[in-house]
Amino acid sequence: MERLFQNHTFEVTHLRGCTVDALVGMVDPADMHPYIVLLKPSEQPWQMLFLDIGAGFWEEWTDEEAAEQLADEDETFVDYAAQFGLHGAEIGEIFCQPMAEDAQSAISIQFASGTLRLAPSDPQEIGCDTEISFSS
């Protein structure tokens, strides 16, 4: 595992033009809010993204690390590639930025069909749930 970003503002440029092989969320089964999202871009290592302490985090994982995580029977997973029709979609811009002045950050991944957004449920409350959405 290699942490690439841990900040309120960043841009991930090395994945632009890759396509989505997999996009999976690790979710709380009680409310289905994601706490980790795993992205497998074509020809690239697994990417892990999440929000914590008001900032965005972005890591690269080996196939072995991702396989171990995805095989964990104690976890609940959601296939966001299937849910949002993103399998094979080309990745555009990826960025993390605060949702407003003095607010927590959100991570956005742009596709031709719309934007996937990982955001806090309350931009002003540290430690709140994370929500995922897709808008065209």
C-alpha atoms as a PDB file:
ATOM      1  CA  MET A   1       0.000   0.000   0.000  1.00  0.00           C
ATOM      2  CA  GLU A   2       1.269   3.422  -0.924  1.00  0.00           C
ATOM      3  CA  ARG A   3      -0.499   6.574   0.196  1.00  0.00           C
ATOM      4  CA  LEU A   4      -0.485   9.066  -2.688  1.00  0.00           C
ATOM      5  CA  PHE A   5      -2.600  11.834  -1.164  1.00  0.00           C
ATOM      6  CA  GLN A   6      -3.842  12.884   2.255  1.00  0.00           C
ATOM      7  CA  ASN A   7      -5.118  16.422   2.003  1.00  0.00           C
ATOM      8  CA  HIS A   8      -8.133  18.686   1.597  1.00  0.00           C
ATOM      9  CA  THR A   9      -7.204  19.479  -2.002  1.00  0.00           C
ATOM     10  CA  PHE A  10      -5.532  17.253  -4.587  1.00  0.00           C
ATOM     11  CA  GLU A  11      -5.822  16.036  -8.171  1.00  0.00           C
ATOM     12  CA  VAL A  12      -5.151  12.501  -9.420  1.00  0.00           C
ATOM     13  CA  THR A  13      -3.864  12.866 -12.983  1.00  0.00           C
ATOM     14  CA  HIS A  14      -2.212   9.504 -13.707  1.00  0.00           C
ATOM     15  CA  LEU A  15      -5.567   7.691 -14.160  1.00  0.00           C
ATOM     16  CA  ARG A  16      -7.063  10.028 -16.768  1.00  0.00           C
ATOM     17  CA  GLY A  17      -8.006   7.991 -19.855  1.00  0.00           C
ATOM     18  CA  CYS A  18      -8.038   4.623 -18.033  1.00  0.00           C
ATOM     19  CA  THR A  19     -11.255   2.632 -17.998  1.00  0.00           C
ATOM     20  CA  VAL A  20     -13.027   1.167 -14.971  1.00  0.00           C
ATOM     21  CA  ASP A  21     -12.460  -2.558 -14.472  1.00  0.00           C
ATOM     22  CA  ALA A  22     -14.035  -2.533 -10.996  1.00  0.00           C
ATOM     23  CA  LEU A  23     -15.499  -0.029  -8.546  1.00  0.00           C
ATOM     24  CA  VAL A  24     -16.471  -1.503  -5.177  1.00  0.00           C
ATOM     25  CA  GLY A  25     -17.543   0.079  -1.921  1.00  0.00           C
ATOM     26  CA  MET A  26     -16.981  -1.328   1.543  1.00  0.00           C
ATOM     27  CA  VAL A  27     -20.132  -0.275   3.377  1.00  0.00           C
ATOM     28  CA  ASP A  28     -21.671  -0.272   6.814  1.00  0.00           C
ATOM     29  CA  PRO A  29     -24.431  -2.913   6.520  1.00  0.00           C
ATOM     30  CA  ALA A  30     -26.673  -0.959   8.919  1.00  0.00           C
ATOM     31  CA  ASP A  31     -27.026   2.059   6.629  1.00  0.00           C
ATOM     32  CA  MET A  32     -25.086   1.115   3.449  1.00  0.00           C
ATOM     33  CA  HIS A  33     -22.846   4.200   3.720  1.00  0.00           C
ATOM     34  CA  PRO A  34     -19.395   3.522   2.227  1.00  0.00           C
ATOM     35  CA  TYR A  35     -16.287   3.990   4.309  1.00  0.00           C
ATOM     36  CA  ILE A  36     -13.811   2.798   1.650  1.00  0.00           C
ATOM     37  CA  VAL A  37     -14.095   2.724  -2.149  1.00  0.00           C
ATOM     38  CA  LEU A  38     -11.840   0.485  -4.225  1.00  0.00           C
ATOM     39  CA  LEU A  39     -11.274   1.409  -7.878  1.00  0.00           C
ATOM     40  CA  LYS A  40      -9.497  -0.857 -10.363  1.00  0.00           C
ATOM     41  CA  PRO A  41      -8.530   1.177 -13.436  1.00  0.00           C
ATOM     42  CA  SER A  42      -7.361  -0.640 -16.565  1.00  0.00           C
ATOM     43  CA  GLU A  43      -3.590  -1.254 -16.663  1.00  0.00           C
ATOM     44  CA  GLN A  44      -3.133   0.318 -13.192  1.00  0.00           C
ATOM     45  CA  PRO A  45      -2.954  -0.919  -9.596  1.00  0.00           C
ATOM     46  CA  TRP A  46      -6.001  -0.898  -7.358  1.00  0.00           C
ATOM     47  CA  GLN A  47      -6.831   2.513  -5.911  1.00  0.00           C
ATOM     48  CA  MET A  48      -8.363   2.977  -2.469  1.00  0.00           C
ATOM     49  CA  LEU A  49     -10.122   6.234  -1.626  1.00  0.00           C
ATOM     50  CA  PHE A  50     -11.848   7.410   1.508  1.00  0.00           C
ATOM     51  CA  LEU A  51     -12.658  10.451   3.614  1.00  0.00           C
ATOM     52  CA  ASP A  52     -11.515  10.979   7.188  1.00  0.00           C
ATOM     53  CA  ILE A  53     -10.900  13.920   9.543  1.00  0.00           C
ATOM     54  CA  GLY A  54     -12.389  16.241   6.923  1.00  0.00           C
ATOM     55  CA  ALA A  55      -9.842  15.376   4.225  1.00  0.00           C
ATOM     56  CA  GLY A  56      -9.546  13.024   1.252  1.00  0.00           C
ATOM     57  CA  PHE A  57      -7.197  10.048   1.137  1.00  0.00           C
ATOM     58  CA  TRP A  58      -5.962   8.210  -1.986  1.00  0.00           C
ATOM     59  CA  GLU A  59      -3.822   5.061  -1.941  1.00  0.00           C
ATOM     60  CA  GLU A  60      -2.518   2.478  -4.411  1.00  0.00           C
ATOM     61  CA  TRP A  61      -2.840  -1.180  -3.441  1.00  0.00           C
ATOM     62  CA  THR A  62      -1.296  -4.278  -4.968  1.00  0.00           C
ATOM     63  CA  ASP A  63      -3.551  -6.948  -6.465  1.00  0.00           C
ATOM     64  CA  GLU A  64      -2.773  -9.148  -3.449  1.00  0.00           C
ATOM     65  CA  GLU A  65      -3.760  -6.451  -0.929  1.00  0.00           C
ATOM     66  CA  ALA A  66      -7.008  -5.749  -2.782  1.00  0.00           C
ATOM     67  CA  ALA A  67      -7.823  -9.460  -3.176  1.00  0.00           C
ATOM     68  CA  GLU A  68      -7.302 -10.002   0.552  1.00  0.00           C
ATOM     69  CA  GLN A  69      -9.598  -7.096   1.395  1.00  0.00           C
ATOM     70  CA  LEU A  70     -12.264  -8.184  -1.102  1.00  0.00           C
ATOM     71  CA  ALA A  71     -12.194 -11.755   0.246  1.00  0.00           C
ATOM     72  CA  ASP A  72     -12.980 -10.637   3.800  1.00  0.00           C
ATOM     73  CA  GLU A  73     -16.277 -12.369   4.618  1.00  0.00           C
ATOM     74  CA  ASP A  74     -16.903  -9.989   7.511  1.00  0.00           C
ATOM     75  CA  GLU A  75     -17.210  -7.016   5.149  1.00  0.00           C
ATOM     76  CA  THR A  76     -20.228  -5.873   3.128  1.00  0.00           C
ATOM     77  CA  PHE A  77     -19.532  -4.777  -0.454  1.00  0.00           C
ATOM     78  CA  VAL A  78     -21.486  -2.860  -3.090  1.00  0.00           C
ATOM     79  CA  ASP A  79     -20.601  -3.064  -6.798  1.00  0.00           C
ATOM     80  CA  TYR A  80     -20.769   0.613  -7.754  1.00  0.00           C
ATOM     81  CA  ALA A  81     -19.579  -0.097 -11.305  1.00  0.00           C
ATOM     82  CA  ALA A  82     -22.782  -2.107 -11.847  1.00  0.00           C
ATOM     83  CA  GLN A  83     -25.010   0.236  -9.813  1.00  0.00           C
ATOM     84  CA  PHE A  84     -23.941   3.346 -11.725  1.00  0.00           C
ATOM     85  CA  GLY A  85     -23.222   1.718 -15.124  1.00  0.00           C
ATOM     86  CA  LEU A  86     -19.509   2.532 -14.979  1.00  0.00           C
ATOM     87  CA  HIS A  87     -17.876  -0.773 -15.957  1.00  0.00           C
ATOM     88  CA  GLY A  88     -15.629   0.087 -18.918  1.00  0.00           C
ATOM     89  CA  ALA A  89     -16.252   3.849 -18.544  1.00  0.00           C
ATOM     90  CA  GLU A  90     -13.319   6.148 -19.259  1.00  0.00           C
ATOM     91  CA  ILE A  91     -12.018   8.086 -16.282  1.00  0.00           C
ATOM     92  CA  GLY A  92     -11.706  11.848 -16.701  1.00  0.00           C
ATOM     93  CA  GLU A  93     -10.678  14.292 -13.994  1.00  0.00           C
ATOM     94  CA  ILE A  94     -10.295  13.138 -10.396  1.00  0.00           C
ATOM     95  CA  PHE A  95     -10.036  15.724  -7.668  1.00  0.00           C
ATOM     96  CA  CYS A  96     -10.579  16.372  -3.989  1.00  0.00           C
ATOM     97  CA  GLN A  97     -11.667  19.768  -2.725  1.00  0.00           C
ATOM     98  CA  PRO A  98     -13.549  21.342   0.182  1.00  0.00           C
ATOM     99  CA  MET A  99     -17.319  21.434  -0.306  1.00  0.00           C
ATOM    100  CA  ALA A 100     -17.412  25.057   0.917  1.00  0.00           C
ATOM    101  CA  GLU A 101     -15.220  27.470   2.820  1.00  0.00           C
ATOM    102  CA  ASP A 102     -14.217  25.885   6.145  1.00  0.00           C
ATOM    103  CA  ALA A 103     -16.005  22.649   5.196  1.00  0.00           C
ATOM    104  CA  GLN A 104     -14.906  19.035   4.788  1.00  0.00           C
ATOM    105  CA  SER A 105     -13.603  17.812   1.451  1.00  0.00           C
ATOM    106  CA  ALA A 106     -15.239  15.532  -1.129  1.00  0.00           C
ATOM    107  CA  ILE A 107     -13.643  13.359  -3.833  1.00  0.00           C
ATOM    108  CA  SER A 108     -15.070  13.542  -7.375  1.00  0.00           C
ATOM    109  CA  ILE A 109     -14.366  11.268 -10.349  1.00  0.00           C
ATOM    110  CA  GLN A 110     -15.628  12.535 -13.689  1.00  0.00           C
ATOM    111  CA  PHE A 111     -16.836  10.318 -16.526  1.00  0.00           C
ATOM    112  CA  ALA A 112     -18.454  11.169 -19.866  1.00  0.00           C
ATOM    113  CA  SER A 113     -21.819  10.101 -18.406  1.00  0.00           C
ATOM    114  CA  GLY A 114     -21.519  12.062 -15.141  1.00  0.00           C
ATOM    115  CA  THR A 115     -19.650  12.498 -11.867  1.00  0.00           C
ATOM    116  CA  LEU A 116     -19.183  10.048  -9.022  1.00  0.00           C
ATOM    117  CA  ARG A 117     -18.843  11.848  -5.706  1.00  0.00           C
ATOM    118  CA  LEU A 118     -17.716  10.600  -2.320  1.00  0.00           C
ATOM    119  CA  ALA A 119     -18.773  13.239   0.217  1.00  0.00           C
ATOM    120  CA  PRO A 120     -19.525  13.662   3.912  1.00  0.00           C
ATOM    121  CA  SER A 121     -23.220  13.557   4.786  1.00  0.00           C
ATOM    122  CA  ASP A 122     -22.720  16.822   6.703  1.00  0.00           C
ATOM    123  CA  PRO A 123     -19.896  19.017   5.327  1.00  0.00           C
ATOM    124  CA  GLN A 124     -19.554  20.818   8.675  1.00  0.00           C
ATOM    125  CA  GLU A 125     -19.445  17.746  10.968  1.00  0.00           C
ATOM    126  CA  ILE A 126     -16.155  15.857  11.342  1.00  0.00           C
ATOM    127  CA  GLY A 127     -16.752  12.126  11.748  1.00  0.00           C
ATOM    128  CA  CYS A 128     -20.115  12.003  10.003  1.00  0.00           C
ATOM    129  CA  ASP A 129     -21.086   9.275   7.524  1.00  0.00           C
ATOM    130  CA  THR A 130     -19.745   9.241   3.982  1.00  0.00           C
ATOM    131  CA  GLU A 131     -22.187   9.154   1.069  1.00  0.00           C
ATOM    132  CA  ILE A 132     -21.621   8.206  -2.550  1.00  0.00           C
ATOM    133  CA  SER A 133     -23.638   9.598  -5.435  1.00  0.00           C
ATOM    134  CA  PHE A 134     -23.597   9.717  -9.209  1.00  0.00           C
ATOM    135  CA  SER A 135     -25.049  12.623 -11.139  1.00  0.00           C
ATOM    136  CA  SER A 136     -25.190  13.198 -14.875  1.00  0.00           C
END
